[in-house]
Amino acid sequence: MHVTPAGGRRTAEADVEVLAGGGVNHVVRLGDTVRRPVGPWTAGVHAVLDHLAARGFAGAPGCHGIDGEGREVLDFVPGDVPGYPLPEWVLSDEALEGVGRLLRELHDATLDFPKNQDVAWYWPAVAPAEVICHGDVAPYNCVFRDGRPVAFIDFDTAHPGPRVWDVAYAAYRFVPLTDPSHLDTYPAPEQARRLRLFADAYGLDDAARGELTATARARLDHLVRHMHEQAAAGHEAFASHIARGDDRLYRTDIEHIARHEATFTAALTG
């Protein structure tokens, strides 16, 4: 059996490979494409991806419509997508700075994307709608080659918002701003140094630097509420995440960021 996706490429079903991820969607690789479930937000995401391609931003997959089974068809981006526990090369200063620069390039490429359209986003727009946020910039959504970040994937949670809304969550994941009881983290003074490195690489302005730690806490609170809402609605993947204690980990990290907020903000603004 063969599938001809939008874009005209024929690919043998025998080439199917199930891709690992966060366990929310069933995602497969089919030749040089990725097939993912669609949702009400898919049209908006495809518009963003098409816009990025038109602006010459190479750090996102191209999209090729919907296949005969109702799945979206995206380019497969070759490289390494790290999982947890993170390999050491993901935690290098060079990787951290590279993510900051790539995120800035992504945001800048969306400055002229229409943000006031009646679009069904996975998450609602956050004011002020300065850019299109990726919504989930994390190691598991970043493709690396030779230790260097080259692309973000899984744009399902893209939505209009302020730069700092995306930057704060990316910093949480990549610095990372997690409690020392977790794996893959550092003491608060080293987190502060790495946070400054990330903000500098992105080129974050002074106002956003003053808001970053509070925004990170708000972003994690938003994530916890979303998990519980989805679990209550019958979404098994989110229910399993809560059952294994992910929400408690995020709340612990919210407390950690609040406890060291002065240290983090001083590193950002000093």
C-alpha atoms as a PDB file:
ATOM      1  CA  MET A   1       0.000   0.000   0.000  1.00  0.00           C
ATOM      2  CA  HIS A   2       1.229   3.525  -0.810  1.00  0.00           C
ATOM      3  CA  VAL A   3       0.076   6.917   0.352  1.00  0.00           C
ATOM      4  CA  THR A   4       0.367  10.007  -1.803  1.00  0.00           C
ATOM      5  CA  PRO A   5       0.465  13.017   0.539  1.00  0.00           C
ATOM      6  CA  ALA A   6      -0.325  16.546  -0.448  1.00  0.00           C
ATOM      7  CA  GLY A   7       2.859  17.639  -2.153  1.00  0.00           C
ATOM      8  CA  GLY A   8       2.933  14.545  -4.360  1.00  0.00           C
ATOM      9  CA  ARG A   9       5.492  12.304  -2.620  1.00  0.00           C
ATOM     10  CA  ARG A  10       4.777   8.574  -2.650  1.00  0.00           C
ATOM     11  CA  THR A  11       5.912   6.678   0.421  1.00  0.00           C
ATOM     12  CA  ALA A  12       5.676   2.994   1.314  1.00  0.00           C
ATOM     13  CA  GLU A  13       3.609   2.238   4.417  1.00  0.00           C
ATOM     14  CA  ALA A  14       6.268  -0.361   5.251  1.00  0.00           C
ATOM     15  CA  ASP A  15       8.540   2.556   6.093  1.00  0.00           C
ATOM     16  CA  VAL A  16       6.348   3.629   9.032  1.00  0.00           C
ATOM     17  CA  GLU A  17       8.211   4.377  12.259  1.00  0.00           C
ATOM     18  CA  VAL A  18       6.400   5.396  15.445  1.00  0.00           C
ATOM     19  CA  LEU A  19       8.125   8.461  16.880  1.00  0.00           C
ATOM     20  CA  ALA A  20       8.650   8.870  20.606  1.00  0.00           C
ATOM     21  CA  GLY A  21       7.234  11.957  22.268  1.00  0.00           C
ATOM     22  CA  GLY A  22       5.243  13.226  25.192  1.00  0.00           C
ATOM     23  CA  GLY A  23       2.576  10.561  24.830  1.00  0.00           C
ATOM     24  CA  VAL A  24      -0.202  13.000  23.926  1.00  0.00           C
ATOM     25  CA  ASN A  25      -0.359  12.297  20.166  1.00  0.00           C
ATOM     26  CA  HIS A  26       0.348   9.249  18.025  1.00  0.00           C
ATOM     27  CA  VAL A  27       3.025  10.469  15.629  1.00  0.00           C
ATOM     28  CA  VAL A  28       4.672   8.419  12.898  1.00  0.00           C
ATOM     29  CA  ARG A  29       7.439   8.921  10.404  1.00  0.00           C
ATOM     30  CA  LEU A  30       6.620   7.813   6.874  1.00  0.00           C
ATOM     31  CA  GLY A  31       9.669   8.132   4.670  1.00  0.00           C
ATOM     32  CA  ASP A  32      10.757  11.772   4.724  1.00  0.00           C
ATOM     33  CA  THR A  33       7.497  12.974   6.242  1.00  0.00           C
ATOM     34  CA  VAL A  34       5.861  12.988   9.673  1.00  0.00           C
ATOM     35  CA  ARG A  35       2.136  12.254  10.059  1.00  0.00           C
ATOM     36  CA  ARG A  36       0.312  13.675  13.054  1.00  0.00           C
ATOM     37  CA  PRO A  37      -3.321  13.928  14.219  1.00  0.00           C
ATOM     38  CA  VAL A  38      -5.128  17.129  13.320  1.00  0.00           C
ATOM     39  CA  GLY A  39      -7.265  19.387  15.499  1.00  0.00           C
ATOM     40  CA  PRO A  40      -9.200  22.636  15.287  1.00  0.00           C
ATOM     41  CA  TRP A  41      -5.851  24.441  15.588  1.00  0.00           C
ATOM     42  CA  THR A  42      -4.213  22.724  12.589  1.00  0.00           C
ATOM     43  CA  ALA A  43      -5.213  25.324   9.997  1.00  0.00           C
ATOM     44  CA  GLY A  44      -3.672  28.101  12.092  1.00  0.00           C
ATOM     45  CA  VAL A  45      -0.498  26.099  12.676  1.00  0.00           C
ATOM     46  CA  HIS A  46      -0.138  25.401   8.958  1.00  0.00           C
ATOM     47  CA  ALA A  47      -0.578  29.101   8.216  1.00  0.00           C
ATOM     48  CA  VAL A  48       2.245  29.859  10.655  1.00  0.00           C
ATOM     49  CA  LEU A  49       4.525  27.195   9.155  1.00  0.00           C
ATOM     50  CA  ASP A  50       3.831  28.460   5.639  1.00  0.00           C
ATOM     51  CA  HIS A  51       4.586  32.000   6.799  1.00  0.00           C
ATOM     52  CA  LEU A  52       7.878  30.904   8.365  1.00  0.00           C
ATOM     53  CA  ALA A  53       8.898  29.156   5.154  1.00  0.00           C
ATOM     54  CA  ALA A  54       8.027  32.241   3.117  1.00  0.00           C
ATOM     55  CA  ARG A  55      10.188  34.359   5.417  1.00  0.00           C
ATOM     56  CA  GLY A  56      13.135  32.008   4.946  1.00  0.00           C
ATOM     57  CA  PHE A  57      13.130  30.618   8.495  1.00  0.00           C
ATOM     58  CA  ALA A  58      14.668  27.150   8.185  1.00  0.00           C
ATOM     59  CA  GLY A  59      14.187  26.126  11.820  1.00  0.00           C
ATOM     60  CA  ALA A  60      10.711  24.598  11.443  1.00  0.00           C
ATOM     61  CA  PRO A  61       9.266  21.738   9.395  1.00  0.00           C
ATOM     62  CA  GLY A  62       7.472  22.492   6.156  1.00  0.00           C
ATOM     63  CA  CYS A  63       3.861  21.371   5.934  1.00  0.00           C
ATOM     64  CA  HIS A  64       2.209  19.579   3.025  1.00  0.00           C
ATOM     65  CA  GLY A  65      -1.483  19.499   3.846  1.00  0.00           C
ATOM     66  CA  ILE A  66      -3.549  16.511   4.996  1.00  0.00           C
ATOM     67  CA  ASP A  67      -3.134  12.906   3.829  1.00  0.00           C
ATOM     68  CA  GLY A  68      -5.824  10.407   2.894  1.00  0.00           C
ATOM     69  CA  GLU A  69      -6.143   9.244   6.499  1.00  0.00           C
ATOM     70  CA  GLY A  70      -6.813  12.749   7.796  1.00  0.00           C
ATOM     71  CA  ARG A  71      -3.358  13.299   9.264  1.00  0.00           C
ATOM     72  CA  GLU A  72      -1.271  16.408   8.749  1.00  0.00           C
ATOM     73  CA  VAL A  73       1.848  15.890   6.642  1.00  0.00           C
ATOM     74  CA  LEU A  74       5.040  17.617   7.780  1.00  0.00           C
ATOM     75  CA  ASP A  75       8.666  17.378   6.761  1.00  0.00           C
ATOM     76  CA  PHE A  76      10.770  15.042   8.853  1.00  0.00           C
ATOM     77  CA  VAL A  77      13.647  17.123  10.237  1.00  0.00           C
ATOM     78  CA  PRO A  78      16.713  14.894  10.634  1.00  0.00           C
ATOM     79  CA  GLY A  79      18.824  15.155  13.755  1.00  0.00           C
ATOM     80  CA  ASP A  80      18.769  14.323  17.460  1.00  0.00           C
ATOM     81  CA  VAL A  81      15.748  15.095  19.648  1.00  0.00           C
ATOM     82  CA  PRO A  82      16.819  14.543  23.267  1.00  0.00           C
ATOM     83  CA  GLY A  83      14.666  13.008  25.956  1.00  0.00           C
ATOM     84  CA  TYR A  84      14.992  12.848  29.729  1.00  0.00           C
ATOM     85  CA  PRO A  85      17.398  12.363  31.397  1.00  0.00           C
ATOM     86  CA  LEU A  86      19.103  14.896  29.147  1.00  0.00           C
ATOM     87  CA  PRO A  87      22.476  14.126  27.577  1.00  0.00           C
ATOM     88  CA  GLU A  88      25.260  16.422  28.724  1.00  0.00           C
ATOM     89  CA  TRP A  89      25.621  18.150  25.355  1.00  0.00           C
ATOM     90  CA  VAL A  90      22.086  19.562  25.638  1.00  0.00           C
ATOM     91  CA  LEU A  91      23.142  21.354  28.824  1.00  0.00           C
ATOM     92  CA  SER A  92      26.218  23.026  27.347  1.00  0.00           C
ATOM     93  CA  ASP A  93      26.432  26.818  27.274  1.00  0.00           C
ATOM     94  CA  GLU A  94      26.714  26.623  23.476  1.00  0.00           C
ATOM     95  CA  ALA A  95      23.461  24.682  23.149  1.00  0.00           C
ATOM     96  CA  LEU A  96      21.703  27.084  25.529  1.00  0.00           C
ATOM     97  CA  GLU A  97      22.825  30.125  23.561  1.00  0.00           C
ATOM     98  CA  GLY A  98      21.899  28.427  20.299  1.00  0.00           C
ATOM     99  CA  VAL A  99      18.339  27.836  21.485  1.00  0.00           C
ATOM    100  CA  GLY A 100      18.068  31.485  22.514  1.00  0.00           C
ATOM    101  CA  ARG A 101      19.196  32.678  19.090  1.00  0.00           C
ATOM    102  CA  LEU A 102      16.950  30.220  17.246  1.00  0.00           C
ATOM    103  CA  LEU A 103      13.934  31.291  19.296  1.00  0.00           C
ATOM    104  CA  ARG A 104      14.662  34.951  18.527  1.00  0.00           C
ATOM    105  CA  GLU A 105      14.829  34.140  14.803  1.00  0.00           C
ATOM    106  CA  LEU A 106      11.501  32.301  15.038  1.00  0.00           C
ATOM    107  CA  HIS A 107       9.781  35.180  16.806  1.00  0.00           C
ATOM    108  CA  ASP A 108      11.209  37.811  14.464  1.00  0.00           C
ATOM    109  CA  ALA A 109       9.982  35.848  11.443  1.00  0.00           C
ATOM    110  CA  THR A 110       6.400  36.077  12.774  1.00  0.00           C
ATOM    111  CA  LEU A 111       6.316  39.817  13.428  1.00  0.00           C
ATOM    112  CA  ASP A 112       4.228  40.441  10.304  1.00  0.00           C
ATOM    113  CA  PHE A 113       2.000  37.364  10.707  1.00  0.00           C
ATOM    114  CA  PRO A 114      -1.632  38.546  11.149  1.00  0.00           C
ATOM    115  CA  LYS A 115      -2.460  38.045  14.820  1.00  0.00           C
ATOM    116  CA  ASN A 116      -6.001  39.374  15.037  1.00  0.00           C
ATOM    117  CA  GLN A 117      -7.604  36.819  12.757  1.00  0.00           C
ATOM    118  CA  ASP A 118     -10.399  34.562  13.978  1.00  0.00           C
ATOM    119  CA  VAL A 119      -8.133  31.523  14.366  1.00  0.00           C
ATOM    120  CA  ALA A 120      -8.769  28.512  16.594  1.00  0.00           C
ATOM    121  CA  TRP A 121      -5.496  28.093  18.470  1.00  0.00           C
ATOM    122  CA  TYR A 122      -4.779  25.167  20.802  1.00  0.00           C
ATOM    123  CA  TRP A 123      -4.164  27.739  23.522  1.00  0.00           C
ATOM    124  CA  PRO A 124      -5.825  31.155  23.355  1.00  0.00           C
ATOM    125  CA  ALA A 125      -3.828  34.219  22.425  1.00  0.00           C
ATOM    126  CA  VAL A 126      -2.012  36.008  25.256  1.00  0.00           C
ATOM    127  CA  ALA A 127      -1.872  39.809  25.279  1.00  0.00           C
ATOM    128  CA  PRO A 128       0.075  41.632  24.037  1.00  0.00           C
ATOM    129  CA  ALA A 129       0.259  39.608  20.827  1.00  0.00           C
ATOM    130  CA  GLU A 130       3.776  40.630  19.825  1.00  0.00           C
ATOM    131  CA  VAL A 131       4.773  37.429  18.009  1.00  0.00           C
ATOM    132  CA  ILE A 132       3.586  33.897  17.365  1.00  0.00           C
ATOM    133  CA  CYS A 133       4.793  31.816  20.302  1.00  0.00           C
ATOM    134  CA  HIS A 134       5.736  28.185  19.745  1.00  0.00           C
ATOM    135  CA  GLY A 135       4.130  27.369  23.070  1.00  0.00           C
ATOM    136  CA  ASP A 136       6.292  24.385  24.061  1.00  0.00           C
ATOM    137  CA  VAL A 137       9.962  25.147  23.439  1.00  0.00           C
ATOM    138  CA  ALA A 138      11.701  22.285  25.225  1.00  0.00           C
ATOM    139  CA  PRO A 139      14.458  19.748  24.501  1.00  0.00           C
ATOM    140  CA  TYR A 140      11.885  17.178  23.326  1.00  0.00           C
ATOM    141  CA  ASN A 141      10.694  19.660  20.683  1.00  0.00           C
ATOM    142  CA  CYS A 142      14.139  20.752  19.486  1.00  0.00           C
ATOM    143  CA  VAL A 143      16.223  19.059  16.803  1.00  0.00           C
ATOM    144  CA  PHE A 144      20.001  19.134  17.274  1.00  0.00           C
ATOM    145  CA  ARG A 145      22.843  18.299  14.915  1.00  0.00           C
ATOM    146  CA  ASP A 146      26.367  17.978  16.302  1.00  0.00           C
ATOM    147  CA  GLY A 147      25.142  19.486  19.566  1.00  0.00           C
ATOM    148  CA  ARG A 148      23.714  22.560  17.843  1.00  0.00           C
ATOM    149  CA  PRO A 149      19.969  23.360  17.804  1.00  0.00           C
ATOM    150  CA  VAL A 150      18.723  23.639  14.218  1.00  0.00           C
ATOM    151  CA  ALA A 151      14.919  23.446  14.409  1.00  0.00           C
ATOM    152  CA  PHE A 152      11.849  23.403  16.603  1.00  0.00           C
ATOM    153  CA  ILE A 153       9.141  20.812  15.966  1.00  0.00           C
ATOM    154  CA  ASP A 154       5.565  20.172  17.155  1.00  0.00           C
ATOM    155  CA  PHE A 155       3.943  23.578  16.652  1.00  0.00           C
ATOM    156  CA  ASP A 156       0.497  22.414  17.830  1.00  0.00           C
ATOM    157  CA  THR A 157       0.551  24.857  20.755  1.00  0.00           C
ATOM    158  CA  ALA A 158       1.533  27.878  18.635  1.00  0.00           C
ATOM    159  CA  HIS A 159      -0.470  31.008  19.438  1.00  0.00           C
ATOM    160  CA  PRO A 160      -0.062  34.804  19.503  1.00  0.00           C
ATOM    161  CA  GLY A 161       1.545  36.215  22.617  1.00  0.00           C
ATOM    162  CA  PRO A 162       4.342  38.322  24.065  1.00  0.00           C
ATOM    163  CA  ARG A 163       7.938  37.264  23.492  1.00  0.00           C
ATOM    164  CA  VAL A 164       8.531  36.717  27.197  1.00  0.00           C
ATOM    165  CA  TRP A 165       5.686  34.162  27.408  1.00  0.00           C
ATOM    166  CA  ASP A 166       7.695  31.848  25.135  1.00  0.00           C
ATOM    167  CA  VAL A 167      11.137  32.867  26.388  1.00  0.00           C
ATOM    168  CA  ALA A 168      10.232  32.188  30.025  1.00  0.00           C
ATOM    169  CA  TYR A 169       9.073  28.646  29.325  1.00  0.00           C
ATOM    170  CA  ALA A 170      12.061  27.919  27.096  1.00  0.00           C
ATOM    171  CA  ALA A 171      14.327  29.158  29.899  1.00  0.00           C
ATOM    172  CA  TYR A 172      12.490  26.929  32.369  1.00  0.00           C
ATOM    173  CA  ARG A 173      13.198  23.921  30.159  1.00  0.00           C
ATOM    174  CA  PHE A 174      16.720  24.664  28.947  1.00  0.00           C
ATOM    175  CA  VAL A 175      18.442  26.530  31.811  1.00  0.00           C
ATOM    176  CA  PRO A 176      16.658  24.691  33.495  1.00  0.00           C
ATOM    177  CA  LEU A 177      14.839  26.587  36.259  1.00  0.00           C
ATOM    178  CA  THR A 178      13.934  23.438  38.160  1.00  0.00           C
ATOM    179  CA  ASP A 179      14.164  22.506  41.815  1.00  0.00           C
ATOM    180  CA  PRO A 180      17.504  20.869  42.784  1.00  0.00           C
ATOM    181  CA  SER A 181      15.597  17.714  43.776  1.00  0.00           C
ATOM    182  CA  HIS A 182      15.118  16.999  40.054  1.00  0.00           C
ATOM    183  CA  LEU A 183      17.601  15.513  37.638  1.00  0.00           C
ATOM    184  CA  ASP A 184      19.245  17.616  34.906  1.00  0.00           C
ATOM    185  CA  THR A 185      19.568  20.809  36.937  1.00  0.00           C
ATOM    186  CA  TYR A 186      22.013  23.065  38.774  1.00  0.00           C
ATOM    187  CA  PRO A 187      22.178  25.054  42.019  1.00  0.00           C
ATOM    188  CA  ALA A 188      20.362  28.390  41.901  1.00  0.00           C
ATOM    189  CA  PRO A 189      23.506  30.549  41.373  1.00  0.00           C
ATOM    190  CA  GLU A 190      24.445  28.516  38.286  1.00  0.00           C
ATOM    191  CA  GLN A 191      20.858  28.637  37.065  1.00  0.00           C
ATOM    192  CA  ALA A 192      21.038  32.427  37.385  1.00  0.00           C
ATOM    193  CA  ARG A 193      24.232  32.554  35.313  1.00  0.00           C
ATOM    194  CA  ARG A 194      22.720  30.356  32.620  1.00  0.00           C
ATOM    195  CA  LEU A 195      19.491  32.354  32.645  1.00  0.00           C
ATOM    196  CA  ARG A 196      21.455  35.531  31.899  1.00  0.00           C
ATOM    197  CA  LEU A 197      23.309  33.698  29.119  1.00  0.00           C
ATOM    198  CA  PHE A 198      20.016  32.612  27.564  1.00  0.00           C
ATOM    199  CA  ALA A 199      18.418  36.056  27.799  1.00  0.00           C
ATOM    200  CA  ASP A 200      21.508  37.677  26.275  1.00  0.00           C
ATOM    201  CA  ALA A 201      21.579  35.188  23.395  1.00  0.00           C
ATOM    202  CA  TYR A 202      17.921  35.910  22.687  1.00  0.00           C
ATOM    203  CA  GLY A 203      18.433  39.661  23.021  1.00  0.00           C
ATOM    204  CA  LEU A 204      15.638  40.077  25.559  1.00  0.00           C
ATOM    205  CA  ASP A 205      14.799  43.684  26.373  1.00  0.00           C
ATOM    206  CA  ASP A 206      14.959  45.198  29.848  1.00  0.00           C
ATOM    207  CA  ALA A 207      11.201  45.210  30.448  1.00  0.00           C
ATOM    208  CA  ALA A 208      10.851  41.514  29.605  1.00  0.00           C
ATOM    209  CA  ARG A 209      13.857  40.644  31.798  1.00  0.00           C
ATOM    210  CA  GLY A 210      12.051  42.151  34.759  1.00  0.00           C
ATOM    211  CA  GLU A 211       8.986  40.013  33.984  1.00  0.00           C
ATOM    212  CA  LEU A 212      10.662  36.727  33.131  1.00  0.00           C
ATOM    213  CA  THR A 213      10.589  34.903  36.462  1.00  0.00           C
ATOM    214  CA  ALA A 214       6.992  35.893  37.230  1.00  0.00           C
ATOM    215  CA  THR A 215       6.057  34.831  33.704  1.00  0.00           C
ATOM    216  CA  ALA A 216       7.763  31.453  34.155  1.00  0.00           C
ATOM    217  CA  ARG A 217       5.697  30.840  37.276  1.00  0.00           C
ATOM    218  CA  ALA A 218       2.505  31.908  35.495  1.00  0.00           C
ATOM    219  CA  ARG A 219       3.368  29.679  32.555  1.00  0.00           C
ATOM    220  CA  LEU A 220       3.816  26.626  34.796  1.00  0.00           C
ATOM    221  CA  ASP A 221       0.598  27.401  36.658  1.00  0.00           C
ATOM    222  CA  HIS A 222      -1.152  27.580  33.278  1.00  0.00           C
ATOM    223  CA  LEU A 223       0.315  24.178  32.372  1.00  0.00           C
ATOM    224  CA  VAL A 224      -0.863  22.545  35.602  1.00  0.00           C
ATOM    225  CA  ARG A 225      -4.381  23.900  35.129  1.00  0.00           C
ATOM    226  CA  HIS A 226      -4.411  22.707  31.524  1.00  0.00           C
ATOM    227  CA  MET A 227      -3.343  19.199  32.556  1.00  0.00           C
ATOM    228  CA  HIS A 228      -6.147  18.938  35.099  1.00  0.00           C
ATOM    229  CA  GLU A 229      -8.736  20.357  32.700  1.00  0.00           C
ATOM    230  CA  GLN A 230      -7.761  17.851  30.025  1.00  0.00           C
ATOM    231  CA  ALA A 231      -7.719  14.951  32.485  1.00  0.00           C
ATOM    232  CA  ALA A 232     -11.181  15.938  33.765  1.00  0.00           C
ATOM    233  CA  ALA A 233     -12.402  15.966  30.168  1.00  0.00           C
ATOM    234  CA  GLY A 234     -11.308  12.344  29.760  1.00  0.00           C
ATOM    235  CA  HIS A 235      -7.922  12.756  28.071  1.00  0.00           C
ATOM    236  CA  GLU A 236      -6.043   9.637  29.165  1.00  0.00           C
ATOM    237  CA  ALA A 237      -2.552  10.935  28.395  1.00  0.00           C
ATOM    238  CA  PHE A 238      -2.947  13.936  30.701  1.00  0.00           C
ATOM    239  CA  ALA A 239      -4.543  11.750  33.372  1.00  0.00           C
ATOM    240  CA  SER A 240      -1.490   9.490  33.241  1.00  0.00           C
ATOM    241  CA  HIS A 241       0.832  12.497  33.561  1.00  0.00           C
ATOM    242  CA  ILE A 242      -1.000  13.576  36.701  1.00  0.00           C
ATOM    243  CA  ALA A 243      -0.967  10.024  38.050  1.00  0.00           C
ATOM    244  CA  ARG A 244       2.830   9.902  37.790  1.00  0.00           C
ATOM    245  CA  GLY A 245       3.106  13.253  39.588  1.00  0.00           C
ATOM    246  CA  ASP A 246       4.022  15.692  36.822  1.00  0.00           C
ATOM    247  CA  ASP A 247       1.742  18.369  38.251  1.00  0.00           C
ATOM    248  CA  ARG A 248       3.450  18.102  41.650  1.00  0.00           C
ATOM    249  CA  LEU A 249       6.858  18.504  39.996  1.00  0.00           C
ATOM    250  CA  TYR A 250       5.699  21.684  38.264  1.00  0.00           C
ATOM    251  CA  ARG A 251       4.314  23.089  41.517  1.00  0.00           C
ATOM    252  CA  THR A 252       7.638  22.338  43.212  1.00  0.00           C
ATOM    253  CA  ASP A 253       9.387  24.232  40.425  1.00  0.00           C
ATOM    254  CA  ILE A 254       6.997  27.183  40.794  1.00  0.00           C
ATOM    255  CA  GLU A 255       8.008  27.371  44.462  1.00  0.00           C
ATOM    256  CA  HIS A 256      11.699  27.077  43.525  1.00  0.00           C
ATOM    257  CA  ILE A 257      11.483  29.974  41.051  1.00  0.00           C
ATOM    258  CA  ALA A 258       9.622  32.108  43.600  1.00  0.00           C
ATOM    259  CA  ARG A 259      12.171  31.295  46.305  1.00  0.00           C
ATOM    260  CA  HIS A 260      15.069  32.423  44.117  1.00  0.00           C
ATOM    261  CA  GLU A 261      13.285  35.143  42.171  1.00  0.00           C
ATOM    262  CA  ALA A 262      15.516  37.925  43.493  1.00  0.00           C
ATOM    263  CA  THR A 263      18.656  36.031  42.483  1.00  0.00           C
ATOM    264  CA  PHE A 264      17.333  35.291  39.005  1.00  0.00           C
ATOM    265  CA  THR A 265      16.084  38.821  38.388  1.00  0.00           C
ATOM    266  CA  ALA A 266      19.347  40.354  39.605  1.00  0.00           C
ATOM    267  CA  ALA A 267      21.287  38.156  37.167  1.00  0.00           C
ATOM    268  CA  LEU A 268      18.989  39.197  34.326  1.00  0.00           C
ATOM    269  CA  THR A 269      18.998  42.917  34.986  1.00  0.00           C
ATOM    270  CA  GLY A 270      22.359  43.568  36.643  1.00  0.00           C
END
